[in-house]
Amino acid sequence: MGRADEKLAVQVGSKGYFGKVSLEAEAEDRGGNVTVDFDPSISGEWRTGASFGIDYALDHVTRRSLFPKGGRVRVLSIGGHAVDTTNVVIAFVAANAIYKALGVQPIKRPEFDKNTGVFSFPK
């Protein structure tokens, strides 16, 4: 399937938003399931955000055509800063990274309003 590196680095007034995610996705026979795993070198700090973003993205694509027998998403790295990075930032970046790795443009995707600094994840 593919590999992607995605980054968000934006300043909105006095608040910064920063996150980087590298991942790869591949179709493989996993009994129809898609699993997400993390490189062991990644600390647990932002894994929750990455998992949420990937799950969100996979819920908004035609999983059956992309992963007919299942597949695997492997998060290779997560980058951030103590002040400018949150799990929401990482979720946004991870969702966009998986879309890029899969080569898809879903109808619904997470949004970031650069004027207000608000993230949304449409249902």
N, C-alpha and C. Protein backbone atom coordinates (compact mmCIF):
# COMPACT_ATOMS: atom_id res chain seq x y z
N MET A 1 0.84 -1.16 0.00
CA MET A 1 0.00 0.00 0.00
C MET A 1 0.89 1.23 0.00
N GLY A 2 1.28 1.70 1.20
CA GLY A 2 2.10 2.89 1.16
C GLY A 2 2.64 3.32 2.50
N ARG A 3 3.45 4.33 2.41
CA ARG A 3 4.07 4.94 3.58
C ARG A 3 3.82 6.44 3.47
N ALA A 4 3.69 7.10 4.63
CA ALA A 4 3.48 8.55 4.61
C ALA A 4 4.11 9.20 5.82
N ASP A 5 4.55 10.42 5.61
CA ASP A 5 5.03 11.30 6.66
C ASP A 5 4.15 12.54 6.61
N GLU A 6 3.57 12.88 7.74
CA GLU A 6 2.67 14.03 7.78
C GLU A 6 3.05 14.92 8.95
N LYS A 7 2.88 16.23 8.78
CA LYS A 7 3.28 17.17 9.82
C LYS A 7 2.32 18.35 9.86
N LEU A 8 2.09 18.86 11.06
CA LEU A 8 1.36 20.10 11.26
C LEU A 8 2.25 20.99 12.10
N ALA A 9 2.51 22.19 11.62
CA ALA A 9 3.30 23.18 12.36
C ALA A 9 2.69 24.54 12.08
N VAL A 10 1.83 24.99 13.02
CA VAL A 10 1.08 26.22 12.82
C VAL A 10 1.10 27.04 14.11
N GLN A 11 1.19 28.33 13.94
CA GLN A 11 1.10 29.27 15.06
C GLN A 11 -0.20 30.04 14.90
N VAL A 12 -1.04 30.04 15.92
CA VAL A 12 -2.28 30.80 15.92
C VAL A 12 -2.21 31.74 17.12
N GLY A 13 -1.93 33.00 16.84
CA GLY A 13 -1.73 33.95 17.93
C GLY A 13 -0.54 33.53 18.77
N SER A 14 -0.75 33.37 20.05
CA SER A 14 0.35 32.97 20.94
C SER A 14 0.42 31.47 21.14
N LYS A 15 -0.46 30.71 20.49
CA LYS A 15 -0.51 29.26 20.67
C LYS A 15 0.03 28.54 19.44
N GLY A 16 0.88 27.55 19.68
CA GLY A 16 1.43 26.75 18.59
C GLY A 16 0.82 25.37 18.56
N TYR A 17 0.80 24.77 17.37
CA TYR A 17 0.29 23.42 17.16
C TYR A 17 1.34 22.68 16.34
N PHE A 18 1.87 21.60 16.90
CA PHE A 18 2.92 20.87 16.20
C PHE A 18 2.76 19.38 16.43
N GLY A 19 2.91 18.63 15.34
CA GLY A 19 2.93 17.18 15.43
C GLY A 19 3.44 16.58 14.14
N LYS A 20 4.12 15.45 14.25
CA LYS A 20 4.63 14.70 13.10
C LYS A 20 4.33 13.23 13.31
N VAL A 21 3.87 12.57 12.25
CA VAL A 21 3.62 11.13 12.31
C VAL A 21 4.12 10.51 11.02
N SER A 22 4.86 9.42 11.16
CA SER A 22 5.28 8.60 10.02
C SER A 22 4.67 7.23 10.22
N LEU A 23 4.08 6.68 9.17
CA LEU A 23 3.47 5.37 9.27
C LEU A 23 3.47 4.66 7.92
N GLU A 24 3.18 3.38 7.97
CA GLU A 24 3.03 2.60 6.76
C GLU A 24 1.81 1.71 6.91
N ALA A 25 1.17 1.42 5.78
CA ALA A 25 -0.03 0.58 5.78
C ALA A 25 0.15 -0.49 4.70
N GLU A 26 -0.28 -1.70 5.04
CA GLU A 26 -0.19 -2.77 4.06
C GLU A 26 -1.36 -3.73 4.24
N ALA A 27 -1.86 -4.20 3.12
CA ALA A 27 -2.91 -5.21 3.14
C ALA A 27 -2.22 -6.56 3.35
N GLU A 28 -2.79 -7.35 4.23
CA GLU A 28 -2.29 -8.71 4.44
C GLU A 28 -3.41 -9.52 5.08
N ASP A 29 -3.30 -10.80 4.99
CA ASP A 29 -4.35 -11.67 5.52
C ASP A 29 -4.29 -11.69 7.04
N ARG A 30 -5.27 -11.03 7.64
CA ARG A 30 -5.39 -10.99 9.10
C ARG A 30 -6.83 -11.30 9.50
N GLY A 31 -7.44 -12.20 8.72
CA GLY A 31 -8.81 -12.60 9.04
C GLY A 31 -9.81 -11.47 8.94
N GLY A 32 -9.55 -10.49 8.09
CA GLY A 32 -10.45 -9.36 7.89
C GLY A 32 -10.22 -8.19 8.83
N ASN A 33 -9.33 -8.34 9.79
CA ASN A 33 -9.05 -7.27 10.75
C ASN A 33 -7.91 -6.39 10.29
N VAL A 34 -7.97 -5.14 10.68
CA VAL A 34 -6.86 -4.22 10.45
C VAL A 34 -6.28 -3.90 11.82
N THR A 35 -5.00 -4.20 12.00
CA THR A 35 -4.35 -3.95 13.29
C THR A 35 -3.45 -2.73 13.18
N VAL A 36 -3.29 -2.08 14.31
CA VAL A 36 -2.40 -0.92 14.40
C VAL A 36 -1.36 -1.25 15.44
N ASP A 37 -0.07 -1.12 15.05
CA ASP A 37 0.98 -1.32 16.04
C ASP A 37 1.99 -0.19 15.93
N PHE A 38 2.79 -0.08 16.96
CA PHE A 38 3.73 1.02 17.10
C PHE A 38 5.15 0.47 17.18
N ASP A 39 6.06 1.17 16.53
CA ASP A 39 7.47 0.84 16.67
C ASP A 39 7.79 0.89 18.17
N PRO A 40 8.55 -0.08 18.67
CA PRO A 40 8.84 -0.10 20.11
C PRO A 40 9.57 1.13 20.64
N SER A 41 10.22 1.88 19.77
CA SER A 41 10.95 3.06 20.22
C SER A 41 10.04 4.25 20.54
N ILE A 42 8.75 4.16 20.18
CA ILE A 42 7.82 5.27 20.41
C ILE A 42 7.34 5.23 21.85
N SER A 43 7.49 6.35 22.53
CA SER A 43 7.00 6.43 23.92
C SER A 43 5.48 6.41 23.90
N GLY A 44 4.89 6.17 25.04
CA GLY A 44 3.44 6.09 25.13
C GLY A 44 2.73 7.42 25.14
N GLU A 45 3.49 8.52 25.14
CA GLU A 45 2.90 9.84 25.34
C GLU A 45 1.77 10.20 24.38
N TRP A 46 1.93 9.93 23.09
CA TRP A 46 0.92 10.34 22.11
C TRP A 46 0.34 9.16 21.34
N ARG A 47 0.51 7.96 21.84
CA ARG A 47 -0.04 6.78 21.16
C ARG A 47 -1.56 6.83 21.10
N THR A 48 -2.19 7.31 22.15
CA THR A 48 -3.66 7.38 22.18
C THR A 48 -4.17 8.27 21.05
N GLY A 49 -3.53 9.41 20.85
CA GLY A 49 -3.93 10.31 19.77
C GLY A 49 -3.75 9.68 18.41
N ALA A 50 -2.60 9.02 18.20
CA ALA A 50 -2.35 8.37 16.92
C ALA A 50 -3.37 7.27 16.67
N SER A 51 -3.66 6.46 17.67
CA SER A 51 -4.65 5.38 17.52
C SER A 51 -6.02 5.94 17.16
N PHE A 52 -6.43 7.02 17.85
CA PHE A 52 -7.72 7.63 17.56
C PHE A 52 -7.76 8.13 16.11
N GLY A 53 -6.73 8.85 15.68
CA GLY A 53 -6.71 9.39 14.32
C GLY A 53 -6.75 8.31 13.26
N ILE A 54 -6.01 7.24 13.47
CA ILE A 54 -6.00 6.13 12.50
C ILE A 54 -7.35 5.44 12.48
N ASP A 55 -7.92 5.17 13.65
CA ASP A 55 -9.25 4.54 13.71
C ASP A 55 -10.30 5.43 13.06
N TYR A 56 -10.23 6.72 13.32
CA TYR A 56 -11.16 7.67 12.70
C TYR A 56 -11.05 7.58 11.18
N ALA A 57 -9.84 7.64 10.68
CA ALA A 57 -9.64 7.59 9.23
C ALA A 57 -10.14 6.29 8.63
N LEU A 58 -9.83 5.17 9.27
CA LEU A 58 -10.25 3.88 8.73
C LEU A 58 -11.77 3.72 8.77
N ASP A 59 -12.44 4.42 9.69
CA ASP A 59 -13.91 4.39 9.73
C ASP A 59 -14.53 5.18 8.58
N HIS A 60 -13.73 6.01 7.90
CA HIS A 60 -14.25 6.86 6.83
C HIS A 60 -13.72 6.48 5.45
N VAL A 61 -13.23 5.27 5.31
CA VAL A 61 -12.82 4.75 4.00
C VAL A 61 -13.51 3.41 3.78
N THR A 62 -13.49 2.95 2.54
CA THR A 62 -14.06 1.63 2.24
C THR A 62 -13.02 0.57 2.57
N ARG A 63 -13.02 0.19 3.80
CA ARG A 63 -12.03 -0.77 4.32
C ARG A 63 -12.01 -2.06 3.52
N ARG A 64 -13.18 -2.50 3.11
CA ARG A 64 -13.26 -3.79 2.42
C ARG A 64 -12.49 -3.79 1.10
N SER A 65 -12.53 -2.67 0.38
CA SER A 65 -11.80 -2.62 -0.90
C SER A 65 -10.29 -2.39 -0.67
N LEU A 66 -9.94 -1.65 0.38
CA LEU A 66 -8.52 -1.38 0.65
C LEU A 66 -7.85 -2.55 1.36
N PHE A 67 -8.58 -3.20 2.25
CA PHE A 67 -8.04 -4.30 3.04
C PHE A 67 -9.00 -5.50 2.94
N PRO A 68 -9.10 -6.15 1.77
CA PRO A 68 -10.09 -7.22 1.60
C PRO A 68 -9.94 -8.37 2.60
N LYS A 69 -8.73 -8.70 2.99
CA LYS A 69 -8.49 -9.78 3.96
C LYS A 69 -7.93 -9.25 5.27
N GLY A 70 -7.87 -7.93 5.39
CA GLY A 70 -7.31 -7.32 6.59
C GLY A 70 -6.02 -6.60 6.25
N GLY A 71 -5.36 -6.10 7.27
CA GLY A 71 -4.12 -5.39 7.03
C GLY A 71 -3.47 -4.93 8.31
N ARG A 72 -2.42 -4.18 8.11
CA ARG A 72 -1.66 -3.69 9.25
C ARG A 72 -1.24 -2.25 9.00
N VAL A 73 -1.38 -1.44 10.03
CA VAL A 73 -0.86 -0.07 10.02
C VAL A 73 0.22 -0.04 11.09
N ARG A 74 1.39 0.37 10.71
CA ARG A 74 2.51 0.44 11.66
C ARG A 74 2.94 1.89 11.78
N VAL A 75 2.87 2.42 13.00
CA VAL A 75 3.32 3.78 13.26
C VAL A 75 4.82 3.71 13.50
N LEU A 76 5.56 4.38 12.64
CA LEU A 76 7.03 4.33 12.69
C LEU A 76 7.62 5.38 13.63
N SER A 77 6.99 6.55 13.68
CA SER A 77 7.47 7.60 14.58
C SER A 77 6.39 8.63 14.84
N ILE A 78 6.47 9.24 16.01
CA ILE A 78 5.60 10.34 16.40
C ILE A 78 6.51 11.42 16.96
N GLY A 79 6.35 12.63 16.47
CA GLY A 79 7.16 13.74 16.96
C GLY A 79 6.29 14.86 17.49
N GLY A 80 6.76 15.49 18.55
CA GLY A 80 6.02 16.60 19.11
C GLY A 80 6.86 17.37 20.10
N HIS A 81 6.25 18.38 20.68
CA HIS A 81 6.88 19.22 21.70
C HIS A 81 5.99 19.25 22.94
N ALA A 82 6.59 19.40 24.08
CA ALA A 82 5.85 19.40 25.33
C ALA A 82 4.77 20.49 25.38
N VAL A 83 5.01 21.62 24.75
CA VAL A 83 4.07 22.74 24.83
C VAL A 83 3.07 22.75 23.67
N ASP A 84 3.51 22.44 22.46
CA ASP A 84 2.69 22.61 21.27
C ASP A 84 1.99 21.35 20.77
N THR A 85 2.15 20.23 21.47
CA THR A 85 1.60 18.97 20.99
C THR A 85 0.63 18.39 22.01
N THR A 86 -0.51 17.95 21.49
CA THR A 86 -1.51 17.25 22.31
C THR A 86 -1.94 16.01 21.54
N ASN A 87 -2.71 15.15 22.20
CA ASN A 87 -3.24 13.98 21.51
C ASN A 87 -4.17 14.37 20.37
N VAL A 88 -4.85 15.50 20.48
CA VAL A 88 -5.74 15.96 19.39
C VAL A 88 -4.91 16.33 18.17
N VAL A 89 -3.81 17.02 18.37
CA VAL A 89 -2.92 17.37 17.24
C VAL A 89 -2.41 16.09 16.58
N ILE A 90 -1.96 15.14 17.38
CA ILE A 90 -1.43 13.88 16.83
C ILE A 90 -2.53 13.10 16.11
N ALA A 91 -3.76 13.11 16.64
CA ALA A 91 -4.87 12.43 15.98
C ALA A 91 -5.12 13.03 14.60
N PHE A 92 -5.12 14.36 14.52
CA PHE A 92 -5.31 15.05 13.25
C PHE A 92 -4.22 14.66 12.24
N VAL A 93 -2.98 14.69 12.68
CA VAL A 93 -1.86 14.39 11.80
C VAL A 93 -1.88 12.91 11.40
N ALA A 94 -2.16 12.01 12.34
CA ALA A 94 -2.19 10.58 12.03
C ALA A 94 -3.29 10.24 11.04
N ALA A 95 -4.48 10.85 11.19
CA ALA A 95 -5.57 10.60 10.25
C ALA A 95 -5.15 11.02 8.84
N ASN A 96 -4.54 12.19 8.71
CA ASN A 96 -4.10 12.64 7.39
C ASN A 96 -2.97 11.79 6.85
N ALA A 97 -2.12 11.27 7.72
CA ALA A 97 -1.03 10.40 7.28
C ALA A 97 -1.57 9.09 6.71
N ILE A 98 -2.56 8.50 7.37
CA ILE A 98 -3.09 7.23 6.86
C ILE A 98 -3.82 7.44 5.54
N TYR A 99 -4.54 8.55 5.39
CA TYR A 99 -5.18 8.83 4.10
C TYR A 99 -4.12 8.93 3.01
N LYS A 100 -3.02 9.60 3.30
CA LYS A 100 -1.94 9.74 2.33
C LYS A 100 -1.32 8.39 2.00
N ALA A 101 -1.06 7.57 3.03
CA ALA A 101 -0.45 6.25 2.81
C ALA A 101 -1.36 5.35 1.96
N LEU A 102 -2.67 5.49 2.15
CA LEU A 102 -3.62 4.67 1.40
C LEU A 102 -3.93 5.26 0.03
N GLY A 103 -3.56 6.53 -0.18
CA GLY A 103 -3.83 7.18 -1.46
C GLY A 103 -5.31 7.45 -1.68
N VAL A 104 -6.02 7.80 -0.60
CA VAL A 104 -7.46 8.06 -0.71
C VAL A 104 -7.79 9.49 -0.29
N GLN A 105 -8.89 9.97 -0.83
CA GLN A 105 -9.44 11.28 -0.46
C GLN A 105 -10.85 11.05 0.04
N PRO A 106 -11.04 10.85 1.35
CA PRO A 106 -12.38 10.57 1.87
C PRO A 106 -13.27 11.81 1.81
N ILE A 107 -14.57 11.57 1.86
CA ILE A 107 -15.52 12.68 1.86
C ILE A 107 -15.40 13.47 3.15
N LYS A 108 -15.26 12.76 4.27
CA LYS A 108 -15.11 13.43 5.57
C LYS A 108 -13.71 13.21 6.09
N ARG A 109 -13.11 14.28 6.53
CA ARG A 109 -11.77 14.19 7.11
C ARG A 109 -11.66 15.22 8.22
N PRO A 110 -10.72 15.03 9.14
CA PRO A 110 -10.58 16.01 10.22
C PRO A 110 -10.20 17.37 9.67
N GLU A 111 -10.62 18.40 10.38
CA GLU A 111 -10.34 19.76 9.95
C GLU A 111 -9.66 20.54 11.07
N PHE A 112 -8.89 21.53 10.66
CA PHE A 112 -8.23 22.42 11.62
C PHE A 112 -8.48 23.84 11.15
N ASP A 113 -9.11 24.65 11.98
CA ASP A 113 -9.38 26.04 11.66
C ASP A 113 -8.18 26.87 12.09
N LYS A 114 -7.42 27.35 11.13
CA LYS A 114 -6.20 28.11 11.42
C LYS A 114 -6.47 29.48 12.02
N ASN A 115 -7.70 29.94 11.96
CA ASN A 115 -8.03 31.23 12.57
C ASN A 115 -8.33 31.11 14.06
N THR A 116 -8.94 29.98 14.44
CA THR A 116 -9.34 29.82 15.84
C THR A 116 -8.53 28.77 16.59
N GLY A 117 -7.84 27.90 15.85
CA GLY A 117 -7.08 26.81 16.49
C GLY A 117 -7.98 25.66 16.94
N VAL A 118 -9.15 25.52 16.32
CA VAL A 118 -10.09 24.48 16.71
C VAL A 118 -10.01 23.30 15.71
N PHE A 119 -9.94 22.10 16.27
CA PHE A 119 -9.95 20.87 15.50
C PHE A 119 -11.37 20.30 15.51
N SER A 120 -11.77 19.68 14.40
CA SER A 120 -13.04 18.95 14.37
C SER A 120 -12.86 17.65 13.61
N PHE A 121 -13.61 16.65 14.04
CA PHE A 121 -13.59 15.33 13.44
C PHE A 121 -15.03 14.99 13.06
N PRO A 122 -15.49 15.40 11.88
CA PRO A 122 -16.89 15.18 11.48
C PRO A 122 -17.27 13.71 11.48
N LYS A 123 -18.50 13.43 11.90
CA LYS A 123 -18.99 12.04 11.92
C LYS A 123 -19.24 11.53 10.54
